[in-house]
Amino acid sequence: MHRLLDELQSRGLLSDCTDLAGLDDRLRQGPLRVYVGFDPTAPSLHVGSLMPLFVARLVRAHGHVPVLLVGGATGMIGDPTGRSDERNFLTEPELDANRAGLREQMCRLVGTDDPVGVEVVDNRSWLGPIGLLEFLRDVGCHFRVGDMLARDSVRSRLDAESGLSFTELSYQLLQAFDFWWLHENAVVEAQMGGSDQWGNITAGVEFMRKRSGARGFGLVWPLLTKADGSKFGKSQSGNVWLDADRTRPFDFWQFWFNTDDDDVETMLLQFSPRSVVAIEQLMVEHRTDPGARSAQRALAEDVTSWVHGAQAAAEVERAAALLFSPEPLSEADARAVASQAGSIDRHRDDLLGVPVIELAVDAGLCSSLGDARRVAAGGGIRLGRRVVSVDDRIEPRDLDPGGATRLARGRRSVALIRAL
């Protein structure tokens, strides 16, 4: 098997392929141009978008050419795959802003600053000029309604209360046309995506064969879920964005560092540039002493360095070490933590005597006073080194010499409180 397919399989990133043997042969013949698409539904990608970017990096590392498609046209419609209702339509100014943001991120994360090896395209440039009658005549005639309705992503929506609009049903025609157009005009021969895209991808392969007699390949990776079955990519506060203005690098680092032991090997294989062999060795070390969280630390360092840069990753890791350390914080250390993780800052006279459960809510550790009372009653809130009760208030003894203290909910959620 070609080394790209072998690595994808070793990392758990090969779920299905329309013609695995044929793709293997084609990869051995020379550079292959492969595309993966992104809908510009926001001005930033989130961690759920990292897997296609990671696969694009692997494609490039093995001597092939990733083509990254921003769906400036299809983003106006929305893919019904994985949704229970119709996506809100975006205005053209919103789409323009979103496309610009995504293009910058993709260029940086896959490496298009190097003029060789990656391309970014926008399907609005070729779908926009096409008239309705022309599209129905040249594209729609190659699709059978029965086949379209049989696809899992469509059938699940037909059974849902919200139903499926004709606009959403047409999405697979547009994506299939993208594949054909990229083959004819940019020599793209393969499309990759998550397994939920299998129906759309195979529709494109079939459309290429019917319209031009062209041979295309489709490959999908499995959708990533956590060991407990929950959806990957969400934190308590919602999406984990790649834009530092939407999700702080500190929170981004923490998202990866908080990965459960049952998930960390999969996350390393599918998001870390370390070799499969190096990850296996790291997991041996991790299983010897899981409490050290060496695998989680490596994962957080690797992904944060990729998305935000090595310097930002180092600064965040230092701030995390200080914040979660039991040692008193100096004033300088407290400033360093606050710059990365944020802090609750109050004048000393306004801070002393405040109920700790109120601070827990203000710091975002608890969703409400009722939630804070329940957690405190169970011994789950700690101020500095002491476990607090429901009625405890902050006292002078709680402050470190530098005028700061740590407020924690459990072991993984900690906030910095500073008396100014």
Protein backbone atom coordinates (compact mmCIF):
# COMPACT_ATOMS: atom_id res chain seq x y z
CA MET A 1 0.00 0.00 0.00
CA HIS A 2 1.23 3.51 -0.83
CA ARG A 3 2.82 5.19 2.18
CA LEU A 4 0.10 7.88 2.34
CA LEU A 5 -2.67 5.28 2.55
CA ASP A 6 -0.59 3.25 5.00
CA GLU A 7 -0.16 6.26 7.29
CA LEU A 8 -3.83 7.19 7.07
CA GLN A 9 -4.74 3.64 8.02
CA SER A 10 -2.19 3.54 10.85
CA ARG A 11 -3.65 6.75 12.28
CA GLY A 12 -7.25 5.53 12.01
CA LEU A 13 -8.02 8.00 9.23
CA LEU A 14 -9.10 5.57 6.53
CA SER A 15 -12.75 4.55 6.84
CA ASP A 16 -13.80 3.88 3.25
CA CYS A 17 -12.67 4.44 -0.32
CA THR A 18 -14.50 4.17 -3.63
CA ASP A 19 -11.61 2.23 -5.21
CA LEU A 20 -8.76 1.61 -2.78
CA ALA A 21 -6.67 -0.51 -5.15
CA GLY A 22 -7.10 2.01 -7.95
CA LEU A 23 -6.19 4.91 -5.68
CA ASP A 24 -3.14 3.01 -4.47
CA ASP A 25 -1.98 2.51 -8.08
CA ARG A 26 -2.62 6.15 -8.97
CA LEU A 27 -0.67 7.46 -5.96
CA ARG A 28 2.34 5.43 -7.06
CA GLN A 29 2.31 7.03 -10.52
CA GLY A 30 3.11 10.55 -9.32
CA PRO A 31 1.67 13.61 -7.57
CA LEU A 32 -2.11 13.45 -7.12
CA ARG A 33 -4.28 16.52 -6.59
CA VAL A 34 -6.79 15.96 -3.77
CA TYR A 35 -9.50 18.33 -2.59
CA VAL A 36 -11.36 18.80 0.68
CA GLY A 37 -14.06 21.38 1.29
CA PHE A 38 -14.94 23.84 4.07
CA ASP A 39 -18.19 25.79 4.35
CA PRO A 40 -17.68 29.42 5.46
CA THR A 41 -20.39 29.43 8.13
CA ALA A 42 -18.22 31.53 10.50
CA PRO A 43 -15.13 33.77 10.15
CA SER A 44 -13.06 31.09 11.90
CA LEU A 45 -12.64 27.37 11.72
CA HIS A 46 -12.98 25.35 14.94
CA VAL A 47 -11.26 22.23 16.24
CA GLY A 48 -13.70 20.05 14.29
CA SER A 49 -12.06 21.44 11.14
CA LEU A 50 -8.57 20.38 12.17
CA MET A 51 -8.90 16.81 10.93
CA PRO A 52 -9.28 17.72 7.23
CA LEU A 53 -6.43 20.21 7.64
CA PHE A 54 -4.30 17.50 9.26
CA VAL A 55 -5.07 15.09 6.42
CA ALA A 56 -4.18 17.83 3.92
CA ARG A 57 -0.81 18.18 5.67
CA LEU A 58 -0.26 14.44 5.35
CA VAL A 59 -1.18 14.57 1.65
CA ARG A 60 1.40 17.28 1.14
CA ALA A 61 4.04 15.55 3.28
CA HIS A 62 3.81 12.50 1.04
CA GLY A 63 4.42 14.48 -2.13
CA HIS A 64 0.86 15.12 -3.31
CA VAL A 65 -1.12 18.34 -3.70
CA PRO A 66 -4.01 19.27 -1.38
CA VAL A 67 -6.61 21.63 -2.85
CA LEU A 68 -8.62 23.39 -0.14
CA LEU A 69 -12.07 24.50 -1.24
CA VAL A 70 -13.90 27.33 0.50
CA GLY A 71 -17.60 26.92 -0.25
CA GLY A 72 -18.48 30.50 -1.06
CA ALA A 73 -21.44 29.22 -3.12
CA THR A 74 -22.46 26.06 -1.27
CA GLY A 75 -22.09 27.93 2.01
CA MET A 76 -25.11 30.00 0.96
CA ILE A 77 -27.21 26.81 1.03
CA GLY A 78 -25.78 24.58 3.72
CA ASP A 79 -25.15 20.87 3.72
CA PRO A 80 -28.00 18.96 5.42
CA THR A 81 -25.55 16.27 6.54
CA GLY A 82 -25.52 15.87 10.30
CA ARG A 83 -28.18 18.55 10.85
CA SER A 84 -31.72 18.34 12.19
CA ASP A 85 -32.87 21.65 10.74
CA GLU A 86 -32.11 24.01 7.89
CA ARG A 87 -29.07 26.25 8.20
CA ASN A 88 -29.68 29.98 8.45
CA PHE A 89 -28.83 31.75 5.23
CA LEU A 90 -25.88 34.14 5.34
CA THR A 91 -25.72 37.51 3.66
CA GLU A 92 -23.07 38.17 1.03
CA PRO A 93 -21.08 40.54 3.31
CA GLU A 94 -21.12 37.84 6.02
CA LEU A 95 -19.91 35.23 3.54
CA ASP A 96 -17.18 37.54 2.26
CA ALA A 97 -15.88 38.12 5.80
CA ASN A 98 -16.07 34.43 6.62
CA ARG A 99 -14.25 33.37 3.46
CA ALA A 100 -11.44 35.83 4.14
CA GLY A 101 -11.01 34.51 7.67
CA LEU A 102 -11.00 30.87 6.59
CA ARG A 103 -8.56 31.48 3.77
CA GLU A 104 -6.03 33.07 6.15
CA GLN A 105 -6.31 30.18 8.61
CA MET A 106 -6.02 27.48 5.97
CA CYS A 107 -3.04 29.15 4.36
CA ARG A 108 -1.28 29.28 7.71
CA LEU A 109 -2.20 25.84 9.01
CA VAL A 110 -1.49 23.88 5.85
CA GLY A 111 1.37 26.06 4.68
CA THR A 112 0.35 27.95 1.58
CA ASP A 113 3.02 30.53 2.32
CA ASP A 114 5.10 28.00 0.39
CA PRO A 115 4.01 28.58 -3.25
CA VAL A 116 4.41 24.88 -4.04
CA GLY A 117 2.21 22.16 -2.66
CA VAL A 118 -1.17 23.64 -1.67
CA GLU A 119 -3.97 25.55 -3.38
CA VAL A 120 -7.03 27.37 -2.04
CA VAL A 121 -10.07 27.78 -4.30
CA ASP A 122 -13.61 29.14 -3.92
CA ASN A 123 -16.51 27.38 -5.65
CA ARG A 124 -18.38 30.66 -5.97
CA SER A 125 -16.02 31.54 -8.81
CA TRP A 126 -17.45 28.77 -11.01
CA LEU A 127 -20.92 28.16 -9.55
CA GLY A 128 -21.84 31.85 -9.38
CA PRO A 129 -21.97 32.48 -13.16
CA ILE A 130 -24.04 29.38 -13.99
CA GLY A 131 -27.70 29.99 -14.83
CA LEU A 132 -30.50 27.84 -13.42
CA LEU A 133 -31.60 26.39 -16.77
CA GLU A 134 -28.03 25.59 -17.74
CA PHE A 135 -27.41 23.83 -14.42
CA LEU A 136 -30.62 21.79 -14.62
CA ARG A 137 -29.87 20.77 -18.20
CA ASP A 138 -26.20 19.88 -17.80
CA VAL A 139 -26.12 18.61 -14.23
CA GLY A 140 -29.58 17.74 -12.98
CA CYS A 141 -30.24 15.27 -15.79
CA HIS A 142 -27.50 12.97 -14.43
CA PHE A 143 -29.18 12.48 -11.03
CA ARG A 144 -32.13 10.27 -10.13
CA VAL A 145 -34.42 11.49 -7.37
CA GLY A 146 -34.73 8.00 -5.90
CA ASP A 147 -30.95 7.77 -5.47
CA MET A 148 -30.80 11.22 -3.90
CA LEU A 149 -33.56 10.42 -1.41
CA ALA A 150 -31.89 7.13 -0.46
CA ARG A 151 -28.78 8.81 0.93
CA ASP A 152 -28.55 8.60 4.73
CA SER A 153 -28.11 12.34 5.24
CA VAL A 154 -31.27 13.03 3.23
CA ARG A 155 -33.38 10.16 4.56
CA SER A 156 -32.75 11.15 8.18
CA ARG A 157 -33.98 14.67 7.48
CA LEU A 158 -37.05 13.44 5.63
CA ASP A 159 -38.05 11.53 8.75
CA ALA A 160 -37.45 14.56 10.98
CA GLU A 161 -40.19 16.97 11.94
CA SER A 162 -38.47 19.88 10.18
CA GLY A 163 -38.28 17.98 6.88
CA LEU A 164 -35.89 18.87 4.06
CA SER A 165 -36.09 21.79 1.65
CA PHE A 166 -35.39 21.51 -2.07
CA THR A 167 -32.52 23.94 -1.49
CA GLU A 168 -30.78 21.51 0.84
CA LEU A 169 -31.57 18.54 -1.39
CA SER A 170 -29.71 20.28 -4.22
CA TYR A 171 -26.51 20.48 -2.14
CA GLN A 172 -25.26 17.10 -3.35
CA LEU A 173 -25.63 18.23 -6.98
CA LEU A 174 -23.52 21.30 -6.27
CA GLN A 175 -20.82 19.31 -4.47
CA ALA A 176 -20.76 16.76 -7.27
CA PHE A 177 -20.38 19.58 -9.78
CA ASP A 178 -17.48 20.96 -7.74
CA PHE A 179 -15.64 17.66 -8.09
CA TRP A 180 -16.27 17.55 -11.85
CA TRP A 181 -15.26 21.19 -12.34
CA LEU A 182 -12.04 20.78 -10.34
CA HIS A 183 -11.17 17.67 -12.35
CA GLU A 184 -11.75 19.42 -15.67
CA ASN A 185 -10.10 22.73 -14.75
CA ALA A 186 -7.59 21.95 -11.98
CA VAL A 187 -6.74 18.27 -12.65
CA VAL A 188 -8.16 17.18 -9.28
CA GLU A 189 -8.65 13.42 -9.17
CA ALA A 190 -9.67 12.70 -5.57
CA GLN A 191 -11.90 14.10 -2.85
CA MET A 192 -11.53 13.42 0.86
CA GLY A 193 -13.85 14.13 3.77
CA GLY A 194 -15.51 12.77 6.88
CA SER A 195 -17.59 9.62 6.64
CA ASP A 196 -20.76 11.72 6.84
CA GLN A 197 -19.77 13.06 3.40
CA TRP A 198 -19.68 9.61 1.80
CA GLY A 199 -22.96 10.11 -0.08
CA ASN A 200 -21.94 13.49 -1.48
CA ILE A 201 -18.50 12.25 -2.47
CA THR A 202 -19.73 9.11 -4.22
CA ALA A 203 -22.33 11.25 -6.03
CA GLY A 204 -19.43 13.33 -7.38
CA VAL A 205 -17.47 10.28 -8.49
CA GLU A 206 -20.52 8.94 -10.33
CA PHE A 207 -21.33 12.33 -11.91
CA MET A 208 -17.77 12.63 -13.26
CA ARG A 209 -18.06 9.18 -14.82
CA LYS A 210 -21.44 9.91 -16.41
CA ARG A 211 -20.68 13.37 -17.76
CA SER A 212 -17.05 13.04 -18.88
CA GLY A 213 -16.10 9.41 -18.49
CA ALA A 214 -13.54 10.64 -15.97
CA ARG A 215 -12.21 8.51 -13.14
CA GLY A 216 -12.33 10.03 -9.68
CA PHE A 217 -11.54 8.68 -6.23
CA GLY A 218 -13.30 9.30 -2.95
CA LEU A 219 -11.85 8.61 0.48
CA VAL A 220 -13.37 9.28 3.89
CA TRP A 221 -12.13 9.13 7.47
CA PRO A 222 -14.35 8.14 10.41
CA LEU A 223 -16.14 10.84 12.35
CA LEU A 224 -14.33 11.51 15.59
CA THR A 225 -16.26 10.96 18.77
CA LYS A 226 -15.06 10.61 22.32
CA ALA A 227 -14.87 7.24 24.05
CA ASP A 228 -18.11 8.02 25.89
CA GLY A 229 -19.88 8.67 22.58
CA SER A 230 -20.12 12.44 22.99
CA LYS A 231 -19.36 14.82 20.13
CA PHE A 232 -15.78 15.98 19.68
CA GLY A 233 -15.01 19.69 19.39
CA LYS A 234 -17.19 21.20 22.08
CA SER A 235 -16.23 22.62 25.47
CA GLN A 236 -18.47 23.76 28.28
CA SER A 237 -18.61 27.20 26.67
CA GLY A 238 -19.35 25.92 23.14
CA ASN A 239 -17.17 25.65 20.04
CA VAL A 240 -13.40 25.69 20.46
CA TRP A 241 -12.31 28.10 17.72
CA LEU A 242 -8.95 28.37 15.98
CA ASP A 243 -9.10 32.18 16.11
CA ALA A 244 -7.32 33.42 19.25
CA ASP A 245 -9.86 36.24 19.60
CA ARG A 246 -12.70 33.70 19.86
CA THR A 247 -10.97 31.06 21.98
CA ARG A 248 -7.92 32.12 23.99
CA PRO A 249 -4.80 30.02 23.36
CA PHE A 250 -4.86 29.16 27.07
CA ASP A 251 -8.39 27.72 26.80
CA PHE A 252 -7.38 26.01 23.57
CA TRP A 253 -4.40 24.37 25.31
CA GLN A 254 -6.60 23.35 28.22
CA PHE A 255 -9.15 21.76 25.87
CA TRP A 256 -6.51 19.34 24.62
CA PHE A 257 -4.82 18.86 28.00
CA ASN A 258 -8.17 17.82 29.51
CA THR A 259 -8.52 14.93 27.05
CA ASP A 260 -9.55 11.73 28.82
CA ASP A 261 -7.11 8.84 29.04
CA ASP A 262 -9.43 6.75 26.85
CA ASP A 263 -9.25 9.32 24.04
CA VAL A 264 -5.70 10.67 24.14
CA GLU A 265 -4.03 8.07 21.91
CA THR A 266 -6.63 8.61 19.17
CA MET A 267 -6.24 12.38 19.45
CA LEU A 268 -2.46 12.13 19.16
CA LEU A 269 -2.68 9.89 16.10
CA GLN A 270 -5.16 12.17 14.35
CA PHE A 271 -3.85 15.61 15.32
CA SER A 272 -0.18 15.38 16.30
CA PRO A 273 2.70 15.52 13.78
CA ARG A 274 4.62 12.94 15.83
CA SER A 275 5.19 9.67 14.02
CA VAL A 276 3.02 6.67 14.78
CA VAL A 277 6.04 4.97 16.35
CA ALA A 278 6.78 8.00 18.56
CA ILE A 279 3.15 8.09 19.69
CA GLU A 280 3.27 4.39 20.58
CA GLN A 281 6.36 5.03 22.70
CA LEU A 282 4.70 8.03 24.36
CA MET A 283 1.65 5.93 25.23
CA VAL A 284 3.87 3.31 26.90
CA GLU A 285 5.25 6.09 29.11
CA HIS A 286 1.77 7.44 29.76
CA ARG A 287 0.35 4.08 30.83
CA THR A 288 3.22 3.65 33.27
CA ASP A 289 2.20 6.84 35.09
CA PRO A 290 -1.17 8.17 33.87
CA GLY A 291 -1.23 10.76 36.64
CA ALA A 292 1.67 12.63 35.05
CA ARG A 293 -0.53 13.22 31.97
CA SER A 294 2.49 13.14 29.68
CA ALA A 295 0.37 12.15 26.68
CA GLN A 296 -2.13 14.97 27.27
CA ARG A 297 0.70 17.47 27.73
CA ALA A 298 2.30 16.37 24.44
CA LEU A 299 -1.06 16.62 22.66
CA ALA A 300 -1.76 20.11 24.00
CA GLU A 301 1.74 21.28 23.12
CA ASP A 302 1.64 19.83 19.60
CA VAL A 303 -1.78 21.14 18.57
CA THR A 304 -1.37 24.55 20.23
CA SER A 305 2.02 24.97 18.54
CA TRP A 306 0.45 24.10 15.20
CA VAL A 307 -2.49 26.49 15.53
CA HIS A 308 -1.02 29.38 17.57
CA GLY A 309 2.75 28.96 17.22
CA ALA A 310 5.47 27.46 19.40
CA GLN A 311 6.02 30.65 21.44
CA ALA A 312 2.33 30.96 22.32
CA ALA A 313 2.25 27.28 23.28
CA ALA A 314 5.26 27.71 25.59
CA GLU A 315 3.75 30.80 27.25
CA VAL A 316 0.42 29.06 27.76
CA GLU A 317 2.04 25.95 29.19
CA ARG A 318 4.03 28.03 31.68
CA ALA A 319 0.87 29.89 32.73
CA ALA A 320 -0.98 26.60 33.18
CA ALA A 321 1.85 25.19 35.29
CA LEU A 322 1.70 28.24 37.54
CA LEU A 323 -2.07 28.29 37.78
CA PHE A 324 -2.39 24.62 38.70
CA SER A 325 0.63 24.55 41.00
CA PRO A 326 -0.01 24.40 44.78
CA GLU A 327 2.84 26.85 45.40
CA PRO A 328 2.09 30.52 46.31
CA LEU A 329 2.07 32.94 43.40
CA SER A 330 4.34 35.96 43.30
CA GLU A 331 2.95 39.17 41.88
CA ALA A 332 4.96 38.66 38.67
CA ASP A 333 3.73 35.09 38.29
CA ALA A 334 0.16 36.20 38.85
CA ARG A 335 0.54 38.79 36.08
CA ALA A 336 1.95 36.12 33.76
CA VAL A 337 -1.01 33.84 34.45
CA ALA A 338 -3.54 36.66 34.07
CA SER A 339 -2.10 37.63 30.68
CA GLN A 340 -2.81 34.14 29.34
CA ALA A 341 -5.72 32.78 31.35
CA GLY A 342 -7.46 35.98 32.45
CA SER A 343 -8.38 36.79 36.02
CA ILE A 344 -11.04 38.24 38.30
CA ASP A 345 -9.54 41.54 39.49
CA ARG A 346 -10.94 43.57 42.38
CA HIS A 347 -9.67 46.09 44.86
CA ARG A 348 -8.62 44.36 48.04
CA ASP A 349 -11.34 46.03 50.14
CA ASP A 350 -13.98 44.99 47.60
CA LEU A 351 -12.73 41.42 47.49
CA LEU A 352 -12.38 40.53 51.15
CA GLY A 353 -15.63 39.27 52.61
CA VAL A 354 -17.18 38.32 49.27
CA PRO A 355 -18.96 34.91 49.30
CA VAL A 356 -16.78 32.36 47.53
CA ILE A 357 -19.73 30.92 45.65
CA GLU A 358 -20.32 34.36 44.06
CA LEU A 359 -16.72 34.41 42.85
CA ALA A 360 -17.20 30.91 41.44
CA VAL A 361 -20.05 32.21 39.30
CA ASP A 362 -18.18 35.39 38.29
CA ALA A 363 -15.17 33.28 37.26
CA GLY A 364 -17.32 31.02 35.08
CA LEU A 365 -16.61 27.95 37.21
CA CYS A 366 -20.31 27.55 38.04
CA SER A 367 -23.31 28.44 35.92
CA SER A 368 -25.38 29.94 38.73
CA LEU A 369 -25.47 30.46 42.48
CA GLY A 370 -27.60 27.35 42.75
CA ASP A 371 -25.00 25.36 40.86
CA ALA A 372 -22.24 26.84 43.07
CA ARG A 373 -24.13 25.93 46.24
CA ARG A 374 -24.55 22.32 45.09
CA VAL A 375 -20.87 21.98 44.17
CA ALA A 376 -19.67 23.63 47.39
CA ALA A 377 -21.98 21.45 49.49
CA GLY A 378 -20.31 18.42 47.94
CA GLY A 379 -16.82 19.74 48.72
CA GLY A 380 -16.06 20.51 45.09
CA ILE A 381 -14.86 24.12 45.41
CA ARG A 382 -11.40 25.01 46.69
CA LEU A 383 -9.95 28.44 47.45
CA GLY A 384 -6.19 28.27 47.59
CA ARG A 385 -5.51 25.12 49.60
CA ARG A 386 -8.74 24.99 51.56
CA VAL A 387 -12.03 23.37 50.61
CA VAL A 388 -14.79 25.91 51.15
CA SER A 389 -18.35 25.51 52.37
CA VAL A 390 -21.46 27.17 51.01
CA ASP A 391 -21.22 30.12 53.43
CA ASP A 392 -17.46 30.75 53.28
CA ARG A 393 -16.17 34.18 52.31
CA ILE A 394 -12.76 35.21 51.07
CA GLU A 395 -10.38 36.12 53.88
CA PRO A 396 -6.92 37.76 54.08
CA ARG A 397 -5.36 34.35 54.76
CA ASP A 398 -6.57 33.13 51.36
CA LEU A 399 -4.34 35.59 49.44
CA ASP A 400 -0.78 34.74 48.44
CA PRO A 401 1.98 37.28 49.18
CA GLY A 402 1.53 38.63 45.65
CA GLY A 403 -2.13 39.39 46.34
CA ALA A 404 -3.62 36.53 44.31
CA THR A 405 -5.33 33.22 44.96
CA ARG A 406 -6.64 30.30 42.96
CA LEU A 407 -10.30 29.31 42.91
CA ALA A 408 -10.93 25.78 41.67
CA ARG A 409 -13.88 23.59 40.81
CA GLY A 410 -12.64 20.02 40.89
CA ARG A 411 -9.18 19.36 39.49
CA ARG A 412 -9.46 20.74 35.98
CA SER A 413 -11.26 24.10 36.29
CA VAL A 414 -9.22 26.82 37.99
CA ALA A 415 -9.52 30.61 37.94
CA LEU A 416 -7.16 33.30 39.16
CA ILE A 417 -8.46 35.87 41.64
CA ARG A 418 -6.36 39.03 42.17
CA ALA A 419 -6.59 41.73 44.82
CA LEU A 420 -5.33 44.99 43.35
